Amino acid sequence: MPFLGQDWRSPGWRWVKTEDGWKRCEPFNPALEDGNNQLNDISHTVIITGDDENEEVYNTEDCEFAAKKRKKDHFRNNADSQCFYREKWIYVHKESTKERHGYCTLGEAFNRLDFSSAIQDIRRFNYVVKLLQLIAKSQLTSLSGAAQKNYFNILDKIVQKVMEDQYNPRLIKDLLQDLSSTLCILIRGVGKSVLVGNINIWICRLETILLWQQQLKNLQMNKQVNNGLTLSDLPLHMLNNILYRFSDGWDIITLGQVTPTLYMLSEDRQLWKKLCQYHFAEKQFCRHLIPSEKGHIDWKLMYFALQKYYPIKEQYGDTLHFCRHCSILFWKDTGHPCTASDPNTCLMPVSPQHFIDLFKF
């Protein structure tokens, strides 16, 4: 059981060494900063209750109690509030040591690594969505209440971004489908106490997911009016070169629906053969050979058949990184306080599945 008292030795705080000694570093939330400043300003003043005969003077301890209560009420009543940390990295430790007690959980890492800002970066968008999808499939119940609230806040921002930018709606539809299926199963098993929080909250979240699915279903792509050079104006060899750079079969099919020329190029057997060879080993081909009517191998059907049995290679513009020397998980552009002589040799990119595996005990 965690220690929940007011003792300064309770776990969960981070300490920073300064010239005046060690000071406690609290999570930073801009929404609370102004309110705390207001409470600090009145910490040594007299507060009039409105009745001249009943004046009450609040000392510093009363104001500190009021500040704590205000923080608690803020996070409880404001569903959109999120806890932001100045440092965008987290130390991953799985067991207690002399220096550290406890371990790092998936929910703690999810809150600390600022995924809310990461979805605004197009390089990280697909990475974060894939991570949310993996959590929805198997790790939703392992998140704490605060991490679950953060999860759905980030999901809300993703849906709103897709509705505004119309960027990769298919990926979000798959995520919402997996999440709704998982919630339906968990809500039926509420008697087993598999969910954190009131059951009515989860039913409300499920209704929100269904609403998001309906909005994405009704999403209409804006037709861009451009009098300049378009994709159809490119020569065939350049269009073919673009198709060969795709690593997702659904992207090839989607692009093939734009024009008849692109459809013809997207049905090229050699294109789908290269895609199968990129994602799967030759031994896997032999087990699932699908001949066409003309006796040739149908590589397009092969790709989607193999995808059901074997994982495909994942490509992301940017990922989280793990420092083997410091055991710290972080975004590469934000960095981390590494003590290695050559930090670049210690870095290891972390796939979404690897991120989940780091916090399995």
Protein backbone atom coordinates (compact mmCIF):
# COMPACT_ATOMS: atom_id res chain seq x y z
CA MET A 1 0.00 0.00 0.00
CA PRO A 2 1.35 3.49 -0.80
CA PHE A 3 1.80 5.95 2.04
CA LEU A 4 -0.88 8.61 1.76
CA GLY A 5 -0.02 10.85 4.70
CA GLN A 6 1.37 14.39 4.71
CA ASP A 7 4.83 13.24 5.79
CA TRP A 8 7.56 14.67 3.54
CA ARG A 9 9.07 11.19 3.28
CA SER A 10 6.06 9.84 1.39
CA PRO A 11 6.85 8.51 -2.11
CA GLY A 12 6.00 10.31 -5.32
CA TRP A 13 7.98 13.56 -4.91
CA ARG A 14 11.00 14.59 -6.92
CA TRP A 15 13.82 16.61 -5.32
CA VAL A 16 16.23 19.09 -6.92
CA LYS A 17 19.54 20.14 -5.38
CA THR A 18 19.99 23.94 -5.19
CA GLU A 19 22.45 26.31 -3.52
CA ASP A 20 20.08 26.55 -0.54
CA GLY A 21 19.76 22.78 -0.23
CA TRP A 22 17.33 20.19 -1.58
CA LYS A 23 13.95 21.47 -2.71
CA ARG A 24 10.87 19.57 -3.74
CA CYS A 25 9.98 19.80 -7.44
CA GLU A 26 6.24 19.77 -7.97
CA PRO A 27 4.40 19.04 -11.26
CA PHE A 28 3.77 22.16 -13.30
CA ASN A 29 0.26 23.05 -14.36
CA PRO A 30 -0.27 26.53 -15.85
CA ALA A 31 -3.93 26.53 -14.89
CA LEU A 32 -3.04 26.23 -11.21
CA GLU A 33 -0.20 28.74 -11.21
CA ASP A 34 -2.38 31.87 -11.09
CA GLY A 35 -4.59 30.41 -8.38
CA ASN A 36 -1.61 29.50 -6.21
CA ASN A 37 -0.18 33.01 -6.59
CA GLN A 38 -3.49 34.47 -5.45
CA LEU A 39 -3.54 32.21 -2.41
CA ASN A 40 0.05 33.14 -1.57
CA ASP A 41 -0.79 36.84 -1.79
CA ILE A 42 -3.48 36.54 0.87
CA SER A 43 -1.58 34.17 3.16
CA HIS A 44 -0.88 36.87 5.75
CA THR A 45 -3.98 39.04 5.35
CA VAL A 46 -7.30 39.24 7.16
CA ILE A 47 -10.30 37.78 5.33
CA ILE A 48 -13.69 39.27 6.16
CA THR A 49 -16.58 36.82 6.03
CA GLY A 50 -19.18 39.53 5.39
CA ASP A 51 -20.46 39.81 8.96
CA ASP A 52 -18.75 42.49 11.04
CA GLU A 53 -19.29 40.50 14.23
CA ASN A 54 -17.81 37.32 12.79
CA GLU A 55 -14.39 38.13 11.44
CA GLU A 56 -12.05 35.22 10.80
CA VAL A 57 -8.29 35.47 10.45
CA TYR A 58 -6.67 32.71 8.39
CA ASN A 59 -3.03 31.99 9.17
CA THR A 60 -0.47 30.50 6.82
CA GLU A 61 -1.47 26.90 7.62
CA ASP A 62 -5.09 27.63 6.73
CA CYS A 63 -4.06 29.09 3.40
CA GLU A 64 -1.83 26.12 2.66
CA PHE A 65 -4.77 23.85 3.38
CA ALA A 66 -6.95 25.98 1.08
CA ALA A 67 -4.33 25.76 -1.67
CA LYS A 68 -4.19 21.97 -1.40
CA LYS A 69 -7.97 21.74 -1.41
CA ARG A 70 -8.15 23.99 -4.46
CA LYS A 71 -5.69 21.76 -6.33
CA LYS A 72 -7.68 18.68 -5.42
CA ASP A 73 -10.99 20.23 -6.48
CA HIS A 74 -9.43 21.52 -9.70
CA PHE A 75 -8.29 18.10 -10.86
CA ARG A 76 -11.50 16.44 -9.68
CA ASN A 77 -13.93 18.85 -11.33
CA ASN A 78 -12.02 19.77 -14.49
CA ALA A 79 -12.00 16.70 -16.72
CA ASP A 80 -9.76 18.40 -19.28
CA SER A 81 -7.02 19.27 -16.81
CA GLN A 82 -3.69 17.58 -17.37
CA CYS A 83 -0.54 17.53 -15.33
CA PHE A 84 2.41 18.86 -17.30
CA TYR A 85 6.00 18.30 -16.22
CA ARG A 86 8.93 20.54 -16.97
CA GLU A 87 11.09 17.52 -17.78
CA LYS A 88 9.87 15.37 -20.68
CA TRP A 89 11.64 12.17 -19.68
CA ILE A 90 11.18 9.42 -17.13
CA TYR A 91 13.52 7.04 -15.35
CA VAL A 92 12.38 3.45 -15.93
CA HIS A 93 13.02 1.30 -12.86
CA LYS A 94 11.29 -2.02 -12.28
CA GLU A 95 12.38 -2.84 -8.75
CA SER A 96 13.32 -1.19 -5.47
CA THR A 97 16.92 -0.26 -4.74
CA LYS A 98 18.69 1.51 -1.88
CA GLU A 99 18.26 4.79 -3.74
CA ARG A 100 14.73 4.23 -5.09
CA HIS A 101 11.67 2.55 -3.65
CA GLY A 102 8.85 1.31 -5.83
CA TYR A 103 8.74 1.03 -9.60
CA CYS A 104 7.67 2.97 -12.68
CA THR A 105 4.21 2.16 -14.06
CA LEU A 106 2.78 2.45 -17.55
CA GLY A 107 0.35 5.13 -16.38
CA GLU A 108 3.12 7.22 -14.85
CA ALA A 109 5.17 7.08 -18.06
CA PHE A 110 2.07 7.92 -20.11
CA ASN A 111 1.50 11.05 -18.02
CA ARG A 112 5.11 12.19 -17.96
CA LEU A 113 6.10 11.92 -21.64
CA ASP A 114 3.77 14.66 -22.93
CA PHE A 115 1.88 12.74 -25.61
CA SER A 116 -0.60 15.61 -25.74
CA SER A 117 2.01 17.79 -27.47
CA ALA A 118 3.44 14.90 -29.48
CA ILE A 119 0.25 14.48 -31.53
CA GLN A 120 0.73 18.00 -32.91
CA ASP A 121 3.97 16.81 -34.55
CA ILE A 122 3.15 14.98 -37.79
CA ARG A 123 6.28 12.83 -37.36
CA ARG A 124 4.96 11.43 -34.05
CA PHE A 125 1.24 11.32 -34.80
CA ASN A 126 1.11 7.74 -36.13
CA TYR A 127 3.43 6.57 -33.35
CA VAL A 128 1.18 7.95 -30.60
CA VAL A 129 -1.98 6.59 -32.25
CA LYS A 130 -0.45 3.12 -32.51
CA LEU A 131 0.57 3.29 -28.86
CA LEU A 132 -2.96 4.27 -27.83
CA GLN A 133 -4.30 1.36 -29.87
CA LEU A 134 -2.04 -1.14 -28.11
CA ILE A 135 -3.07 0.25 -24.73
CA ALA A 136 -6.73 -0.01 -25.72
CA LYS A 137 -6.32 -3.67 -26.67
CA SER A 138 -4.58 -4.99 -23.58
CA GLN A 139 -3.36 -2.37 -21.10
CA LEU A 140 -6.34 -0.10 -20.41
CA THR A 141 -7.04 -1.58 -16.98
CA SER A 142 -3.40 -1.18 -15.93
CA LEU A 143 -3.66 2.64 -16.15
CA SER A 144 -4.37 4.64 -13.03
CA GLY A 145 -7.42 6.88 -12.83
CA ALA A 146 -5.36 9.99 -13.69
CA ALA A 147 -3.67 8.19 -16.60
CA GLN A 148 -7.04 7.01 -17.93
CA LYS A 149 -8.35 10.57 -17.83
CA ASN A 150 -5.20 11.73 -19.64
CA TYR A 151 -5.68 8.91 -22.18
CA PHE A 152 -9.17 10.05 -23.14
CA ASN A 153 -8.15 13.74 -23.18
CA ILE A 154 -5.39 12.92 -25.70
CA LEU A 155 -7.82 10.78 -27.69
CA ASP A 156 -10.25 13.69 -27.83
CA LYS A 157 -7.50 15.96 -29.19
CA ILE A 158 -6.59 13.35 -31.81
CA VAL A 159 -10.18 13.11 -33.03
CA GLN A 160 -10.52 16.90 -33.19
CA LYS A 161 -7.24 17.13 -35.12
CA VAL A 162 -8.43 14.55 -37.65
CA MET A 163 -11.76 16.36 -38.05
CA GLU A 164 -9.93 19.64 -38.73
CA ASP A 165 -6.92 18.45 -40.75
CA GLN A 166 -8.51 15.29 -42.22
CA TYR A 167 -5.20 13.51 -41.60
CA ASN A 168 -5.24 9.69 -41.67
CA PRO A 169 -8.85 9.08 -40.51
CA ARG A 170 -8.54 5.34 -41.23
CA LEU A 171 -5.95 4.97 -38.47
CA ILE A 172 -8.23 6.66 -35.92
CA LYS A 173 -11.23 4.58 -36.98
CA ASP A 174 -9.25 1.41 -36.24
CA LEU A 175 -8.22 2.78 -32.85
CA LEU A 176 -11.79 3.69 -31.86
CA GLN A 177 -13.08 0.31 -33.03
CA ASP A 178 -10.57 -1.55 -30.86
CA LEU A 179 -11.24 0.74 -27.90
CA SER A 180 -15.03 0.36 -28.10
CA SER A 181 -14.73 -3.43 -28.35
CA THR A 182 -12.48 -3.52 -25.28
CA LEU A 183 -14.78 -1.26 -23.27
CA CYS A 184 -17.84 -3.35 -24.11
CA ILE A 185 -16.07 -6.44 -22.75
CA LEU A 186 -14.81 -4.65 -19.62
CA ILE A 187 -18.15 -3.05 -18.81
CA ARG A 188 -19.82 -6.47 -18.87
CA GLY A 189 -17.21 -7.67 -16.38
CA VAL A 190 -17.74 -4.81 -13.94
CA GLY A 191 -18.54 -7.29 -11.18
CA LYS A 192 -14.91 -8.38 -11.30
CA SER A 193 -13.77 -4.80 -10.53
CA VAL A 194 -11.70 -4.58 -13.70
CA LEU A 195 -12.30 -0.85 -14.20
CA VAL A 196 -11.10 2.12 -12.16
CA GLY A 197 -13.91 4.54 -11.33
CA ASN A 198 -17.68 4.56 -11.44
CA ILE A 199 -19.33 2.38 -14.07
CA ASN A 200 -21.42 5.34 -15.22
CA ILE A 201 -18.23 7.20 -16.16
CA TRP A 202 -17.19 4.35 -18.42
CA ILE A 203 -20.62 4.13 -20.01
CA CYS A 204 -20.40 7.85 -20.73
CA ARG A 205 -16.95 7.35 -22.27
CA LEU A 206 -18.27 4.54 -24.43
CA GLU A 207 -21.07 6.80 -25.66
CA THR A 208 -18.47 9.47 -26.47
CA ILE A 209 -16.48 6.93 -28.51
CA LEU A 210 -19.60 5.98 -30.47
CA LEU A 211 -20.20 9.68 -31.14
CA TRP A 212 -16.62 10.07 -32.42
CA GLN A 213 -17.08 7.08 -34.69
CA GLN A 214 -20.21 8.62 -36.16
CA GLN A 215 -18.43 11.94 -36.73
CA LEU A 216 -15.57 10.21 -38.55
CA LYS A 217 -18.04 8.18 -40.59
CA ASN A 218 -19.70 11.40 -41.75
CA LEU A 219 -16.37 13.13 -42.40
CA GLN A 220 -16.28 14.74 -45.84
CA MET A 221 -12.92 15.41 -47.43
CA ASN A 222 -12.56 19.00 -48.59
CA LYS A 223 -11.82 19.22 -52.29
CA GLN A 224 -8.83 21.47 -52.74
CA VAL A 225 -8.98 23.91 -55.63
CA ASN A 226 -5.53 24.30 -57.13
CA ASN A 227 -4.77 25.68 -60.55
CA GLY A 228 -1.13 24.64 -60.40
CA LEU A 229 0.59 21.29 -60.92
CA THR A 230 -1.37 18.29 -59.57
CA LEU A 231 -0.50 14.64 -58.95
CA SER A 232 -2.10 13.62 -62.25
CA ASP A 233 0.27 15.89 -64.17
CA LEU A 234 3.35 13.92 -63.09
CA PRO A 235 4.86 11.42 -65.55
CA LEU A 236 4.15 7.72 -65.08
CA HIS A 237 7.62 6.80 -63.83
CA MET A 238 7.38 9.40 -61.05
CA LEU A 239 3.91 8.20 -60.00
CA ASN A 240 5.21 4.64 -59.97
CA ASN A 241 8.18 5.72 -57.86
CA ILE A 242 5.81 7.30 -55.31
CA LEU A 243 3.79 4.08 -55.01
CA TYR A 244 6.95 2.03 -54.48
CA ARG A 245 7.82 4.18 -51.46
CA PHE A 246 4.64 3.26 -49.57
CA SER A 247 4.99 0.64 -46.84
CA ASP A 248 1.27 0.20 -46.14
CA GLY A 249 -0.94 -1.69 -48.56
CA TRP A 250 -4.03 0.32 -47.61
CA ASP A 251 -2.24 3.52 -48.58
CA ILE A 252 -1.55 2.08 -52.03
CA ILE A 253 -5.20 1.10 -52.47
CA THR A 254 -6.39 4.54 -51.30
CA LEU A 255 -4.08 6.36 -53.72
CA GLY A 256 -5.20 4.06 -56.52
CA GLN A 257 -8.76 5.35 -56.10
CA VAL A 258 -7.78 8.91 -57.08
CA THR A 259 -7.46 8.48 -60.85
CA PRO A 260 -7.70 5.60 -63.36
CA THR A 261 -3.96 5.92 -64.06
CA LEU A 262 -3.05 5.53 -60.40
CA TYR A 263 -5.44 2.58 -60.13
CA MET A 264 -3.63 0.85 -62.99
CA LEU A 265 -0.25 1.46 -61.34
CA SER A 266 -1.52 0.32 -57.93
CA GLU A 267 -2.52 -3.08 -59.35
CA ASP A 268 1.01 -3.85 -60.54
CA ARG A 269 2.04 -7.37 -59.43
CA GLN A 270 5.67 -6.35 -59.02
CA LEU A 271 4.65 -3.55 -56.63
CA TRP A 272 2.82 -5.94 -54.30
CA LYS A 273 5.61 -8.51 -54.56
CA LYS A 274 8.15 -5.93 -53.38
CA LEU A 275 5.79 -5.00 -50.52
CA CYS A 276 5.48 -8.63 -49.43
CA GLN A 277 9.25 -9.13 -49.60
CA TYR A 278 9.78 -6.03 -47.47
CA HIS A 279 7.44 -7.09 -44.66
CA PHE A 280 7.67 -10.90 -44.65
CA ALA A 281 10.29 -13.65 -44.91
CA GLU A 282 10.45 -16.11 -47.79
CA LYS A 283 9.54 -19.03 -45.52
CA GLN A 284 6.26 -17.30 -44.71
CA PHE A 285 5.39 -17.07 -48.43
CA CYS A 286 5.53 -20.85 -48.88
CA ARG A 287 2.89 -21.44 -46.23
CA HIS A 288 0.32 -19.07 -47.75
CA LEU A 289 0.71 -19.18 -51.53
CA ILE A 290 -2.35 -17.79 -53.31
CA PRO A 291 -2.36 -18.43 -57.09
CA SER A 292 -4.43 -16.25 -59.41
CA GLU A 293 -6.73 -17.43 -62.21
CA LYS A 294 -3.84 -17.24 -64.69
CA GLY A 295 -1.63 -19.43 -62.52
CA HIS A 296 0.53 -16.59 -61.20
CA ILE A 297 0.89 -15.73 -57.53
CA ASP A 298 -1.56 -13.05 -56.47
CA TRP A 299 0.82 -10.89 -54.41
CA LYS A 300 -1.88 -8.42 -53.44
CA LEU A 301 -4.00 -11.09 -51.78
CA MET A 302 -0.82 -12.62 -50.39
CA TYR A 303 0.02 -9.37 -48.60
CA PHE A 304 -3.33 -9.14 -46.79
CA ALA A 305 -3.34 -12.88 -46.04
CA LEU A 306 0.15 -12.78 -44.51
CA GLN A 307 -0.81 -9.69 -42.53
CA LYS A 308 -3.34 -11.77 -40.59
CA TYR A 309 -0.68 -14.21 -39.41
CA TYR A 310 2.50 -12.16 -39.10
CA PRO A 311 3.28 -8.61 -37.92
CA ILE A 312 4.37 -6.10 -40.55
CA LYS A 313 7.34 -3.78 -40.20
CA GLU A 314 6.45 -0.43 -38.67
CA GLN A 315 7.83 2.89 -39.87
CA TYR A 316 7.56 6.14 -37.91
CA GLY A 317 8.97 9.60 -38.49
CA ASP A 318 9.99 9.91 -34.84
CA THR A 319 9.85 7.61 -31.83
CA LEU A 320 10.66 7.58 -28.15
CA HIS A 321 14.23 6.60 -27.28
CA PHE A 322 15.63 4.61 -24.40
CA CYS A 323 19.07 5.28 -22.95
CA ARG A 324 20.64 1.97 -21.90
CA HIS A 325 23.20 3.79 -19.76
CA CYS A 326 20.74 5.89 -17.72
CA SER A 327 17.58 3.74 -18.10
CA ILE A 328 15.69 6.86 -19.16
CA LEU A 329 12.84 7.03 -21.66
CA PHE A 330 12.54 10.31 -23.59
CA TRP A 331 11.83 12.12 -26.86
CA LYS A 332 15.10 12.59 -28.72
CA ASP A 333 14.68 16.31 -29.44
CA THR A 334 14.04 17.12 -25.76
CA GLY A 335 17.06 15.15 -24.55
CA HIS A 336 17.80 13.86 -21.04
CA PRO A 337 20.56 14.29 -18.41
CA CYS A 338 22.90 11.54 -19.65
CA THR A 339 26.19 10.84 -17.85
CA ALA A 340 27.68 8.64 -20.58
CA SER A 341 30.81 9.81 -22.39
CA ASP A 342 29.13 9.23 -25.77
CA PRO A 343 25.32 9.36 -25.26
CA ASN A 344 24.50 8.57 -28.91
CA THR A 345 25.94 5.05 -28.59
CA CYS A 346 23.54 4.29 -25.73
CA LEU A 347 20.32 5.29 -27.48
CA MET A 348 17.80 2.75 -28.66
CA PRO A 349 14.56 3.58 -30.55
CA VAL A 350 11.46 2.29 -28.81
CA SER A 351 8.58 0.88 -30.84
CA PRO A 352 5.02 1.14 -29.47
CA GLN A 353 5.05 -2.56 -28.51
CA HIS A 354 8.46 -2.17 -26.85
CA PHE A 355 7.06 0.75 -24.86
CA ILE A 356 4.31 -1.53 -23.52
CA ASP A 357 6.80 -4.33 -22.78
CA LEU A 358 9.01 -2.00 -20.73
CA PHE A 359 6.31 -1.78 -18.07
CA LYS A 360 5.25 -5.41 -17.87
CA PHE A 361 6.17 -7.05 -14.61
